[in-house]
Amino acid sequence: MQECEHVFCPYCGQQQELSIDLSAGTQRFTTDCEVCCRPFDVDVDVRDGGISGSEVYG
């Protein structure tokens, strides 16, 4: 099952929608900003079948 999470780029502030695979549990991954193209890390906390929080690191 997948769920969408909205995060903001730590460099330019652009909001992005990420598709999170809930079956993978809590996860950390790197993605690129769609606007400024800079990479940033995202931590997603998955509990009880849903996203309970997320953190973005530059």
PDB file of N, CA and C in Angstrom:
ATOM      1  N   MET A   1       0.843  -1.173   0.000  1.00  0.00           N
ATOM      2  CA  MET A   1       0.000   0.000   0.000  1.00  0.00           C
ATOM      3  C   MET A   1       0.896   1.246   0.000  1.00  0.00           C
ATOM      4  N   GLN A   2       0.453   2.266  -0.694  1.00  0.00           N
ATOM      5  CA  GLN A   2       1.214   3.503  -0.764  1.00  0.00           C
ATOM      6  C   GLN A   2       0.390   4.673  -0.241  1.00  0.00           C
ATOM      7  N   GLU A   3       1.110   5.657   0.271  1.00  0.00           N
ATOM      8  CA  GLU A   3       0.475   6.870   0.775  1.00  0.00           C
ATOM      9  C   GLU A   3       1.334   8.052   0.340  1.00  0.00           C
ATOM     10  N   CYS A   4       0.727   9.190   0.120  1.00  0.00           N
ATOM     11  CA  CYS A   4       1.457  10.391  -0.275  1.00  0.00           C
ATOM     12  C   CYS A   4       1.821  11.207   0.959  1.00  0.00           C
ATOM     13  N   GLU A   5       3.018  11.765   0.911  1.00  0.00           N
ATOM     14  CA  GLU A   5       3.497  12.642   1.974  1.00  0.00           C
ATOM     15  C   GLU A   5       4.017  13.915   1.315  1.00  0.00           C
ATOM     16  N   HIS A   6       3.664  15.058   1.870  1.00  0.00           N
ATOM     17  CA  HIS A   6       4.139  16.335   1.344  1.00  0.00           C
ATOM     18  C   HIS A   6       5.309  16.812   2.195  1.00  0.00           C
ATOM     19  N   VAL A   7       6.416  17.147   1.536  1.00  0.00           N
ATOM     20  CA  VAL A   7       7.601  17.661   2.212  1.00  0.00           C
ATOM     21  C   VAL A   7       8.055  18.929   1.493  1.00  0.00           C
ATOM     22  N   PHE A   8       8.896  19.696   2.152  1.00  0.00           N
ATOM     23  CA  PHE A   8       9.432  20.924   1.576  1.00  0.00           C
ATOM     24  C   PHE A   8      10.939  20.793   1.405  1.00  0.00           C
ATOM     25  N   CYS A   9      11.445  21.220   0.262  1.00  0.00           N
ATOM     26  CA  CYS A   9      12.880  21.213  -0.008  1.00  0.00           C
ATOM     27  C   CYS A   9      13.567  22.117   1.022  1.00  0.00           C
ATOM     28  N   PRO A  10      14.625  21.628   1.687  1.00  0.00           N
ATOM     29  CA  PRO A  10      15.312  22.454   2.679  1.00  0.00           C
ATOM     30  C   PRO A  10      16.137  23.578   2.059  1.00  0.00           C
ATOM     31  N   TYR A  11      16.301  23.579   0.746  1.00  0.00           N
ATOM     32  CA  TYR A  11      17.118  24.592   0.075  1.00  0.00           C
ATOM     33  C   TYR A  11      16.272  25.715  -0.530  1.00  0.00           C
ATOM     34  N   CYS A  12      15.254  25.351  -1.319  1.00  0.00           N
ATOM     35  CA  CYS A  12      14.467  26.388  -2.003  1.00  0.00           C
ATOM     36  C   CYS A  12      13.044  26.521  -1.457  1.00  0.00           C
ATOM     37  N   GLY A  13      12.613  25.582  -0.606  1.00  0.00           N
ATOM     38  CA  GLY A  13      11.296  25.665   0.014  1.00  0.00           C
ATOM     39  C   GLY A  13      10.148  25.121  -0.818  1.00  0.00           C
ATOM     40  N   GLN A  14      10.430  24.581  -1.993  1.00  0.00           N
ATOM     41  CA  GLN A  14       9.387  24.045  -2.863  1.00  0.00           C
ATOM     42  C   GLN A  14       8.726  22.816  -2.221  1.00  0.00           C
ATOM     43  N   GLN A  15       7.408  22.784  -2.198  1.00  0.00           N
ATOM     44  CA  GLN A  15       6.680  21.624  -1.687  1.00  0.00           C
ATOM     45  C   GLN A  15       6.693  20.521  -2.735  1.00  0.00           C
ATOM     46  N   GLN A  16       6.899  19.286  -2.264  1.00  0.00           N
ATOM     47  CA  GLN A  16       6.904  18.135  -3.155  1.00  0.00           C
ATOM     48  C   GLN A  16       6.044  17.037  -2.569  1.00  0.00           C
ATOM     49  N   GLU A  17       5.444  16.270  -3.441  1.00  0.00           N
ATOM     50  CA  GLU A  17       4.631  15.130  -3.024  1.00  0.00           C
ATOM     51  C   GLU A  17       5.427  13.855  -3.271  1.00  0.00           C
ATOM     52  N   LEU A  18       5.602  13.069  -2.212  1.00  0.00           N
ATOM     53  CA  LEU A  18       6.328  11.810  -2.310  1.00  0.00           C
ATOM     54  C   LEU A  18       5.371  10.653  -2.123  1.00  0.00           C
ATOM     55  N   SER A  19       5.560   9.606  -2.887  1.00  0.00           N
ATOM     56  CA  SER A  19       4.773   8.392  -2.750  1.00  0.00           C
ATOM     57  C   SER A  19       5.571   7.432  -1.873  1.00  0.00           C
ATOM     58  N   ILE A  20       5.017   7.057  -0.714  1.00  0.00           N
ATOM     59  CA  ILE A  20       5.705   6.233   0.271  1.00  0.00           C
ATOM     60  C   ILE A  20       5.090   4.835   0.287  1.00  0.00           C
ATOM     61  N   ASP A  21       5.940   3.812   0.166  1.00  0.00           N
ATOM     62  CA  ASP A  21       5.511   2.416   0.240  1.00  0.00           C
ATOM     63  C   ASP A  21       5.412   2.027   1.711  1.00  0.00           C
ATOM     64  N   LEU A  22       4.204   1.927   2.238  1.00  0.00           N
ATOM     65  CA  LEU A  22       3.995   1.650   3.659  1.00  0.00           C
ATOM     66  C   LEU A  22       4.456   0.255   4.058  1.00  0.00           C
ATOM     67  N   SER A  23       4.495  -0.683   3.114  1.00  0.00           N
ATOM     68  CA  SER A  23       4.909  -2.052   3.438  1.00  0.00           C
ATOM     69  C   SER A  23       6.402  -2.120   3.762  1.00  0.00           C
ATOM     70  N   ALA A  24       7.169  -1.097   3.411  1.00  0.00           N
ATOM     71  CA  ALA A  24       8.600  -1.071   3.698  1.00  0.00           C
ATOM     72  C   ALA A  24       8.897  -0.608   5.122  1.00  0.00           C
ATOM     73  N   GLY A  25       7.884  -0.144   5.844  1.00  0.00           N
ATOM     74  CA  GLY A  25       8.076   0.322   7.211  1.00  0.00           C
ATOM     75  C   GLY A  25       8.794   1.664   7.251  1.00  0.00           C
ATOM     76  N   THR A  26       9.371   1.971   8.416  1.00  0.00           N
ATOM     77  CA  THR A  26      10.109   3.211   8.582  1.00  0.00           C
ATOM     78  C   THR A  26      11.299   3.203   7.637  1.00  0.00           C
ATOM     79  N   GLN A  27      11.547   4.328   6.979  1.00  0.00           N
ATOM     80  CA  GLN A  27      12.578   4.348   5.943  1.00  0.00           C
ATOM     81  C   GLN A  27      13.274   5.699   5.845  1.00  0.00           C
ATOM     82  N   ARG A  28      14.476   5.668   5.258  1.00  0.00           N
ATOM     83  CA  ARG A  28      15.250   6.874   4.964  1.00  0.00           C
ATOM     84  C   ARG A  28      15.740   6.751   3.531  1.00  0.00           C
ATOM     85  N   PHE A  29      15.577   7.820   2.766  1.00  0.00           N
ATOM     86  CA  PHE A  29      16.023   7.797   1.380  1.00  0.00           C
ATOM     87  C   PHE A  29      16.415   9.201   0.949  1.00  0.00           C
ATOM     88  N   THR A  30      17.107   9.280  -0.181  1.00  0.00           N
ATOM     89  CA  THR A  30      17.524  10.551  -0.762  1.00  0.00           C
ATOM     90  C   THR A  30      16.712  10.793  -2.020  1.00  0.00           C
ATOM     91  N   THR A  31      16.252  12.021  -2.190  1.00  0.00           N
ATOM     92  CA  THR A  31      15.517  12.405  -3.388  1.00  0.00           C
ATOM     93  C   THR A  31      16.025  13.763  -3.856  1.00  0.00           C
ATOM     94  N   ASP A  32      15.756  14.100  -5.091  1.00  0.00           N
ATOM     95  CA  ASP A  32      16.166  15.389  -5.633  1.00  0.00           C
ATOM     96  C   ASP A  32      14.970  16.330  -5.700  1.00  0.00           C
ATOM     97  N   CYS A  33      15.210  17.605  -5.415  1.00  0.00           N
ATOM     98  CA  CYS A  33      14.168  18.618  -5.534  1.00  0.00           C
ATOM     99  C   CYS A  33      13.787  18.777  -7.001  1.00  0.00           C
ATOM    100  N   GLU A  34      12.511  18.865  -7.270  1.00  0.00           N
ATOM    101  CA  GLU A  34      12.019  19.023  -8.637  1.00  0.00           C
ATOM    102  C   GLU A  34      12.317  20.409  -9.205  1.00  0.00           C
ATOM    103  N   VAL A  35      12.601  21.396  -8.344  1.00  0.00           N
ATOM    104  CA  VAL A  35      12.837  22.763  -8.797  1.00  0.00           C
ATOM    105  C   VAL A  35      14.326  23.096  -8.844  1.00  0.00           C
ATOM    106  N   CYS A  36      15.029  22.958  -7.707  1.00  0.00           N
ATOM    107  CA  CYS A  36      16.444  23.354  -7.661  1.00  0.00           C
ATOM    108  C   CYS A  36      17.399  22.192  -7.915  1.00  0.00           C
ATOM    109  N   CYS A  37      16.867  20.968  -8.004  1.00  0.00           N
ATOM    110  CA  CYS A  37      17.630  19.751  -8.344  1.00  0.00           C
ATOM    111  C   CYS A  37      18.652  19.335  -7.295  1.00  0.00           C
ATOM    112  N   ARG A  38      18.627  19.932  -6.113  1.00  0.00           N
ATOM    113  CA  ARG A  38      19.572  19.539  -5.062  1.00  0.00           C
ATOM    114  C   ARG A  38      19.041  18.326  -4.320  1.00  0.00           C
ATOM    115  N   PRO A  39      19.922  17.385  -3.979  1.00  0.00           N
ATOM    116  CA  PRO A  39      19.486  16.197  -3.238  1.00  0.00           C
ATOM    117  C   PRO A  39      19.273  16.508  -1.761  1.00  0.00           C
ATOM    118  N   PHE A  40      18.289  15.830  -1.159  1.00  0.00           N
ATOM    119  CA  PHE A  40      18.075  15.931   0.279  1.00  0.00           C
ATOM    120  C   PHE A  40      17.555  14.600   0.795  1.00  0.00           C
ATOM    121  N   ASP A  41      17.779  14.363   2.091  1.00  0.00           N
ATOM    122  CA  ASP A  41      17.367  13.114   2.734  1.00  0.00           C
ATOM    123  C   ASP A  41      15.999  13.285   3.371  1.00  0.00           C
ATOM    124  N   VAL A  42      15.221  12.205   3.342  1.00  0.00           N
ATOM    125  CA  VAL A  42      13.895  12.180   3.938  1.00  0.00           C
ATOM    126  C   VAL A  42      13.803  10.969   4.862  1.00  0.00           C
ATOM    127  N   ASP A  43      13.412  11.180   6.109  1.00  0.00           N
ATOM    128  CA  ASP A  43      13.101  10.102   7.055  1.00  0.00           C
ATOM    129  C   ASP A  43      11.592  10.041   7.179  1.00  0.00           C
ATOM    130  N   VAL A  44      11.020   8.849   6.993  1.00  0.00           N
ATOM    131  CA  VAL A  44       9.576   8.669   7.116  1.00  0.00           C
ATOM    132  C   VAL A  44       9.317   7.602   8.172  1.00  0.00           C
ATOM    133  N   ASP A  45       8.539   7.963   9.184  1.00  0.00           N
ATOM    134  CA  ASP A  45       8.185   7.046  10.262  1.00  0.00           C
ATOM    135  C   ASP A  45       6.827   6.427   9.952  1.00  0.00           C
ATOM    136  N   VAL A  46       6.799   5.104   9.769  1.00  0.00           N
ATOM    137  CA  VAL A  46       5.562   4.390   9.451  1.00  0.00           C
ATOM    138  C   VAL A  46       5.162   3.561  10.664  1.00  0.00           C
ATOM    139  N   ARG A  47       3.941   3.784  11.154  1.00  0.00           N
ATOM    140  CA  ARG A  47       3.407   3.036  12.308  1.00  0.00           C
ATOM    141  C   ARG A  47       1.936   2.767  12.092  1.00  0.00           C
ATOM    142  N   ASP A  48       1.495   1.614  12.535  1.00  0.00           N
ATOM    143  CA  ASP A  48       0.081   1.235  12.478  1.00  0.00           C
ATOM    144  C   ASP A  48      -0.513   1.409  11.086  1.00  0.00           C
ATOM    145  N   GLY A  49       0.268   1.090  10.058  1.00  0.00           N
ATOM    146  CA  GLY A  49      -0.231   1.123   8.688  1.00  0.00           C
ATOM    147  C   GLY A  49      -0.344   2.493   8.064  1.00  0.00           C
ATOM    148  N   GLY A  50       0.282   3.519   8.677  1.00  0.00           N
ATOM    149  CA  GLY A  50       0.220   4.867   8.123  1.00  0.00           C
ATOM    150  C   GLY A  50       1.466   5.661   8.471  1.00  0.00           C
ATOM    151  N   ILE A  51       1.610   6.812   7.855  1.00  0.00           N
ATOM    152  CA  ILE A  51       2.741   7.681   8.121  1.00  0.00           C
ATOM    153  C   ILE A  51       2.466   8.474   9.387  1.00  0.00           C
ATOM    154  N   SER A  52       3.371   8.344  10.370  1.00  0.00           N
ATOM    155  CA  SER A  52       3.172   9.077  11.621  1.00  0.00           C
ATOM    156  C   SER A  52       4.052  10.311  11.707  1.00  0.00           C
ATOM    157  N   GLY A  53       4.949  10.488  10.747  1.00  0.00           N
ATOM    158  CA  GLY A  53       5.780  11.680  10.741  1.00  0.00           C
ATOM    159  C   GLY A  53       6.872  11.583   9.696  1.00  0.00           C
ATOM    160  N   SER A  54       7.453  12.740   9.362  1.00  0.00           N
ATOM    161  CA  SER A  54       8.565  12.766   8.419  1.00  0.00           C
ATOM    162  C   SER A  54       9.492  13.920   8.766  1.00  0.00           C
ATOM    163  N   GLU A  55      10.769  13.761   8.415  1.00  0.00           N
ATOM    164  CA  GLU A  55      11.795  14.777   8.625  1.00  0.00           C
ATOM    165  C   GLU A  55      12.563  14.920   7.323  1.00  0.00           C
ATOM    166  N   VAL A  56      12.987  16.141   7.030  1.00  0.00           N
ATOM    167  CA  VAL A  56      13.777  16.433   5.830  1.00  0.00           C
ATOM    168  C   VAL A  56      15.107  17.013   6.283  1.00  0.00           C
ATOM    169  N   TYR A  57      16.204  16.513   5.678  1.00  0.00           N
ATOM    170  CA  TYR A  57      17.553  16.977   6.000  1.00  0.00           C
ATOM    171  C   TYR A  57      18.273  17.400   4.730  1.00  0.00           C
ATOM    172  N   GLY A  58      18.955  18.534   4.784  1.00  0.00           N
ATOM    173  CA  GLY A  58      19.711  19.031   3.648  1.00  0.00           C
ATOM    174  C   GLY A  58      21.111  18.505   3.619  1.00  0.00           C
TER     175      GLY A  58
END
